Amino acid sequence: MNYTNRIQGEIKKMTTAPPAGARFEQSPTDIRDWNILITGPEGTPYAGGHFHLKLKLPDNYPHGAPVASFTHKVYHPNVVQDGSLVCSEKLEASKWIPTSNLHNFVVNVIDLFRTPEPDHALEEQIAQEYINEKKKYEENARKWTRDFAK
């Protein structure tokens, strides 16, 4: 089944009313490829960073969850250090339902910057640092943000 109308509606919403702290750019060649620029939320060690997220819609979208990855390193318990995978309870592909939408997906990614989910960590060492050595975690996250989120 072709869901082009659904995708076009989501494109319109993301371009006219994107989530706060996000800017959207659709690939000129593929309606299913999106680039999203997320500004690190104020009050977090990610503030001031510009996080580049690539998002790909599967062929069975909206029945299949989008696949997202950062194009650079992110110091975060829910992101593989090379940026290749975003994971949290809210973003698990198994929890995706066809009534979910990309706007809420991006909001959930932004929320991870505010509130990491160490119980769903992909990087256990960073999760333990977040839990046990918050100041060190924040210093490392700020450094990686300065170094990689440009």
C-alpha atoms as a PDB file:
ATOM      1  CA  MET A   1       0.000   0.000   0.000  1.00  0.00           C
ATOM      2  CA  ASN A   2       1.289   3.492  -0.833  1.00  0.00           C
ATOM      3  CA  TYR A   3       1.317   5.983   2.023  1.00  0.00           C
ATOM      4  CA  THR A   4       2.672   8.959   0.077  1.00  0.00           C
ATOM      5  CA  ASN A   5      -0.217  11.200   1.211  1.00  0.00           C
ATOM      6  CA  ARG A   6       0.527  10.379   4.849  1.00  0.00           C
ATOM      7  CA  ILE A   7       4.222  11.165   4.375  1.00  0.00           C
ATOM      8  CA  GLN A   8       3.437  14.412   2.525  1.00  0.00           C
ATOM      9  CA  GLY A   9       1.152  15.453   5.403  1.00  0.00           C
ATOM     10  CA  GLU A  10       3.948  14.822   7.872  1.00  0.00           C
ATOM     11  CA  ILE A  11       6.383  16.784   5.706  1.00  0.00           C
ATOM     12  CA  LYS A  12       3.989  19.720   5.728  1.00  0.00           C
ATOM     13  CA  LYS A  13       3.636  19.560   9.515  1.00  0.00           C
ATOM     14  CA  MET A  14       7.396  19.290  10.058  1.00  0.00           C
ATOM     15  CA  THR A  15       8.121  22.251   7.778  1.00  0.00           C
ATOM     16  CA  THR A  16       5.341  24.538   9.021  1.00  0.00           C
ATOM     17  CA  ALA A  17       5.338  23.581  12.726  1.00  0.00           C
ATOM     18  CA  PRO A  18       8.466  21.614  13.608  1.00  0.00           C
ATOM     19  CA  PRO A  19       9.138  20.600  17.197  1.00  0.00           C
ATOM     20  CA  ALA A  20      10.826  23.332  19.241  1.00  0.00           C
ATOM     21  CA  GLY A  21      14.577  23.011  18.807  1.00  0.00           C
ATOM     22  CA  ALA A  22      14.399  21.113  15.519  1.00  0.00           C
ATOM     23  CA  ARG A  23      14.777  22.054  11.893  1.00  0.00           C
ATOM     24  CA  PHE A  24      13.749  19.700   9.133  1.00  0.00           C
ATOM     25  CA  GLU A  25      15.072  19.132   5.633  1.00  0.00           C
ATOM     26  CA  GLN A  26      13.700  16.499   3.301  1.00  0.00           C
ATOM     27  CA  SER A  27      15.949  14.850   0.760  1.00  0.00           C
ATOM     28  CA  PRO A  28      15.270  16.291  -2.709  1.00  0.00           C
ATOM     29  CA  THR A  29      15.513  12.806  -4.206  1.00  0.00           C
ATOM     30  CA  ASP A  30      13.680  10.542  -1.734  1.00  0.00           C
ATOM     31  CA  ILE A  31      10.533  11.348   0.229  1.00  0.00           C
ATOM     32  CA  ARG A  32      11.603   8.788   2.847  1.00  0.00           C
ATOM     33  CA  ASP A  33      14.976  10.397   3.693  1.00  0.00           C
ATOM     34  CA  TRP A  34      15.070  13.307   6.103  1.00  0.00           C
ATOM     35  CA  ASN A  35      17.777  15.348   7.782  1.00  0.00           C
ATOM     36  CA  ILE A  36      16.893  16.925  11.088  1.00  0.00           C
ATOM     37  CA  LEU A  37      18.998  19.484  12.901  1.00  0.00           C
ATOM     38  CA  ILE A  38      18.387  19.452  16.649  1.00  0.00           C
ATOM     39  CA  THR A  39      19.630  22.269  18.843  1.00  0.00           C
ATOM     40  CA  GLY A  40      20.781  20.992  22.230  1.00  0.00           C
ATOM     41  CA  PRO A  41      18.217  22.018  24.859  1.00  0.00           C
ATOM     42  CA  GLU A  42      19.138  24.815  27.267  1.00  0.00           C
ATOM     43  CA  GLY A  43      19.898  23.654  30.787  1.00  0.00           C
ATOM     44  CA  THR A  44      21.514  20.441  29.548  1.00  0.00           C
ATOM     45  CA  PRO A  45      25.159  19.625  28.796  1.00  0.00           C
ATOM     46  CA  TYR A  46      24.076  19.524  25.147  1.00  0.00           C
ATOM     47  CA  ALA A  47      23.068  23.212  25.056  1.00  0.00           C
ATOM     48  CA  GLY A  48      24.584  25.078  22.147  1.00  0.00           C
ATOM     49  CA  GLY A  49      25.213  21.912  20.145  1.00  0.00           C
ATOM     50  CA  HIS A  50      23.834  21.246  16.698  1.00  0.00           C
ATOM     51  CA  PHE A  51      22.973  17.570  16.413  1.00  0.00           C
ATOM     52  CA  HIS A  52      22.508  16.178  12.921  1.00  0.00           C
ATOM     53  CA  LEU A  53      20.004  13.334  12.801  1.00  0.00           C
ATOM     54  CA  LYS A  54      19.368  11.274   9.667  1.00  0.00           C
ATOM     55  CA  LEU A  55      15.960   9.698   9.551  1.00  0.00           C
ATOM     56  CA  LYS A  56      14.826   7.042   7.092  1.00  0.00           C
ATOM     57  CA  LEU A  57      11.260   5.861   6.698  1.00  0.00           C
ATOM     58  CA  PRO A  58      10.897   2.159   5.938  1.00  0.00           C
ATOM     59  CA  ASP A  59       8.949   1.004   2.880  1.00  0.00           C
ATOM     60  CA  ASN A  60       6.090  -0.086   5.148  1.00  0.00           C
ATOM     61  CA  TYR A  61       5.803   3.275   6.942  1.00  0.00           C
ATOM     62  CA  PRO A  62       3.666   4.075   8.946  1.00  0.00           C
ATOM     63  CA  HIS A  63       3.436   0.421   9.944  1.00  0.00           C
ATOM     64  CA  GLY A  64       7.195   0.260  10.440  1.00  0.00           C
ATOM     65  CA  ALA A  65       9.161   2.597  12.684  1.00  0.00           C
ATOM     66  CA  PRO A  66      11.568   5.171  11.278  1.00  0.00           C
ATOM     67  CA  VAL A  67      15.274   4.440  11.606  1.00  0.00           C
ATOM     68  CA  ALA A  68      17.319   7.310  13.025  1.00  0.00           C
ATOM     69  CA  SER A  69      21.003   7.895  13.569  1.00  0.00           C
ATOM     70  CA  PHE A  70      23.222  10.824  14.366  1.00  0.00           C
ATOM     71  CA  THR A  71      25.887  11.603  11.789  1.00  0.00           C
ATOM     72  CA  HIS A  72      28.477  12.278  14.484  1.00  0.00           C
ATOM     73  CA  LYS A  73      29.479  11.181  17.964  1.00  0.00           C
ATOM     74  CA  VAL A  74      27.109  11.949  20.849  1.00  0.00           C
ATOM     75  CA  TYR A  75      28.036  11.316  24.495  1.00  0.00           C
ATOM     76  CA  HIS A  76      24.779   9.857  25.745  1.00  0.00           C
ATOM     77  CA  PRO A  77      23.724   6.553  27.333  1.00  0.00           C
ATOM     78  CA  ASN A  78      21.017   6.003  24.702  1.00  0.00           C
ATOM     79  CA  VAL A  79      23.198   6.623  21.644  1.00  0.00           C
ATOM     80  CA  VAL A  80      25.987   4.367  20.420  1.00  0.00           C
ATOM     81  CA  GLN A  81      29.120   6.500  20.690  1.00  0.00           C
ATOM     82  CA  ASP A  82      29.566   6.706  16.932  1.00  0.00           C
ATOM     83  CA  GLY A  83      25.997   8.053  16.686  1.00  0.00           C
ATOM     84  CA  SER A  84      24.742   5.065  14.730  1.00  0.00           C
ATOM     85  CA  LEU A  85      21.699   4.255  16.826  1.00  0.00           C
ATOM     86  CA  VAL A  86      19.184   6.026  18.990  1.00  0.00           C
ATOM     87  CA  CYS A  87      17.369   3.931  21.567  1.00  0.00           C
ATOM     88  CA  SER A  88      15.006   4.556  24.424  1.00  0.00           C
ATOM     89  CA  GLU A  89      11.794   3.070  25.700  1.00  0.00           C
ATOM     90  CA  LYS A  90       9.814   5.717  23.781  1.00  0.00           C
ATOM     91  CA  LEU A  91      11.698   5.113  20.531  1.00  0.00           C
ATOM     92  CA  GLU A  92      11.810   1.313  20.451  1.00  0.00           C
ATOM     93  CA  ALA A  93      10.668   0.026  17.085  1.00  0.00           C
ATOM     94  CA  SER A  94       8.520  -2.595  18.828  1.00  0.00           C
ATOM     95  CA  LYS A  95       6.473   0.191  20.457  1.00  0.00           C
ATOM     96  CA  TRP A  96       5.845   2.044  17.201  1.00  0.00           C
ATOM     97  CA  ILE A  97       2.216   1.998  16.066  1.00  0.00           C
ATOM     98  CA  PRO A  98       0.801   3.324  12.768  1.00  0.00           C
ATOM     99  CA  THR A  99      -0.854   6.270  14.534  1.00  0.00           C
ATOM    100  CA  SER A 100       2.566   7.457  15.755  1.00  0.00           C
ATOM    101  CA  ASN A 101       4.066  10.323  13.800  1.00  0.00           C
ATOM    102  CA  LEU A 102       7.425  11.859  13.027  1.00  0.00           C
ATOM    103  CA  HIS A 103       6.729  15.047  14.963  1.00  0.00           C
ATOM    104  CA  ASN A 104       6.348  13.042  18.185  1.00  0.00           C
ATOM    105  CA  PHE A 105       9.313  10.837  17.256  1.00  0.00           C
ATOM    106  CA  VAL A 106      11.564  13.911  17.009  1.00  0.00           C
ATOM    107  CA  VAL A 107      10.116  15.351  20.242  1.00  0.00           C
ATOM    108  CA  ASN A 108      11.067  12.079  21.954  1.00  0.00           C
ATOM    109  CA  VAL A 109      14.626  12.311  20.592  1.00  0.00           C
ATOM    110  CA  ILE A 110      14.897  15.874  21.929  1.00  0.00           C
ATOM    111  CA  ASP A 111      13.498  14.739  25.288  1.00  0.00           C
ATOM    112  CA  LEU A 112      16.337  12.207  25.542  1.00  0.00           C
ATOM    113  CA  PHE A 113      18.768  15.128  25.709  1.00  0.00           C
ATOM    114  CA  ARG A 114      16.847  16.478  28.694  1.00  0.00           C
ATOM    115  CA  THR A 115      16.225  13.146  30.389  1.00  0.00           C
ATOM    116  CA  PRO A 116      18.484  10.251  29.410  1.00  0.00           C
ATOM    117  CA  GLU A 117      17.125   6.762  30.066  1.00  0.00           C
ATOM    118  CA  PRO A 118      19.985   4.820  31.694  1.00  0.00           C
ATOM    119  CA  ASP A 119      17.705   1.785  32.141  1.00  0.00           C
ATOM    120  CA  HIS A 120      17.593   1.473  28.325  1.00  0.00           C
ATOM    121  CA  ALA A 121      21.257   2.261  27.749  1.00  0.00           C
ATOM    122  CA  LEU A 122      23.210   1.274  24.687  1.00  0.00           C
ATOM    123  CA  GLU A 123      26.388   2.594  26.302  1.00  0.00           C
ATOM    124  CA  GLU A 124      26.516   1.025  29.759  1.00  0.00           C
ATOM    125  CA  GLN A 125      29.637   2.916  30.873  1.00  0.00           C
ATOM    126  CA  ILE A 126      28.012   6.254  30.063  1.00  0.00           C
ATOM    127  CA  ALA A 127      24.819   5.139  31.816  1.00  0.00           C
ATOM    128  CA  GLN A 128      26.754   4.253  34.964  1.00  0.00           C
ATOM    129  CA  GLU A 129      28.557   7.579  34.828  1.00  0.00           C
ATOM    130  CA  TYR A 130      25.183   9.356  34.450  1.00  0.00           C
ATOM    131  CA  ILE A 131      23.840   7.510  37.509  1.00  0.00           C
ATOM    132  CA  ASN A 132      26.928   7.572  39.750  1.00  0.00           C
ATOM    133  CA  GLU A 133      29.066  10.516  38.599  1.00  0.00           C
ATOM    134  CA  LYS A 134      26.671  13.077  37.172  1.00  0.00           C
ATOM    135  CA  LYS A 135      29.212  15.923  37.172  1.00  0.00           C
ATOM    136  CA  LYS A 136      31.727  13.840  35.192  1.00  0.00           C
ATOM    137  CA  TYR A 137      28.980  12.761  32.787  1.00  0.00           C
ATOM    138  CA  GLU A 138      27.979  16.391  32.196  1.00  0.00           C
ATOM    139  CA  GLU A 139      31.610  17.428  31.619  1.00  0.00           C
ATOM    140  CA  ASN A 140      32.095  14.641  29.063  1.00  0.00           C
ATOM    141  CA  ALA A 141      28.778  15.397  27.333  1.00  0.00           C
ATOM    142  CA  ARG A 142      29.693  19.105  27.110  1.00  0.00           C
ATOM    143  CA  LYS A 143      33.123  18.258  25.669  1.00  0.00           C
ATOM    144  CA  TRP A 144      31.696  15.910  23.017  1.00  0.00           C
ATOM    145  CA  THR A 145      29.039  18.506  22.202  1.00  0.00           C
ATOM    146  CA  ARG A 146      31.743  21.141  21.630  1.00  0.00           C
ATOM    147  CA  ASP A 147      33.897  18.705  19.640  1.00  0.00           C
ATOM    148  CA  PHE A 148      31.297  16.965  17.479  1.00  0.00           C
ATOM    149  CA  ALA A 149      27.908  18.763  17.482  1.00  0.00           C
ATOM    150  CA  LYS A 150      28.753  21.670  15.232  1.00  0.00           C
END
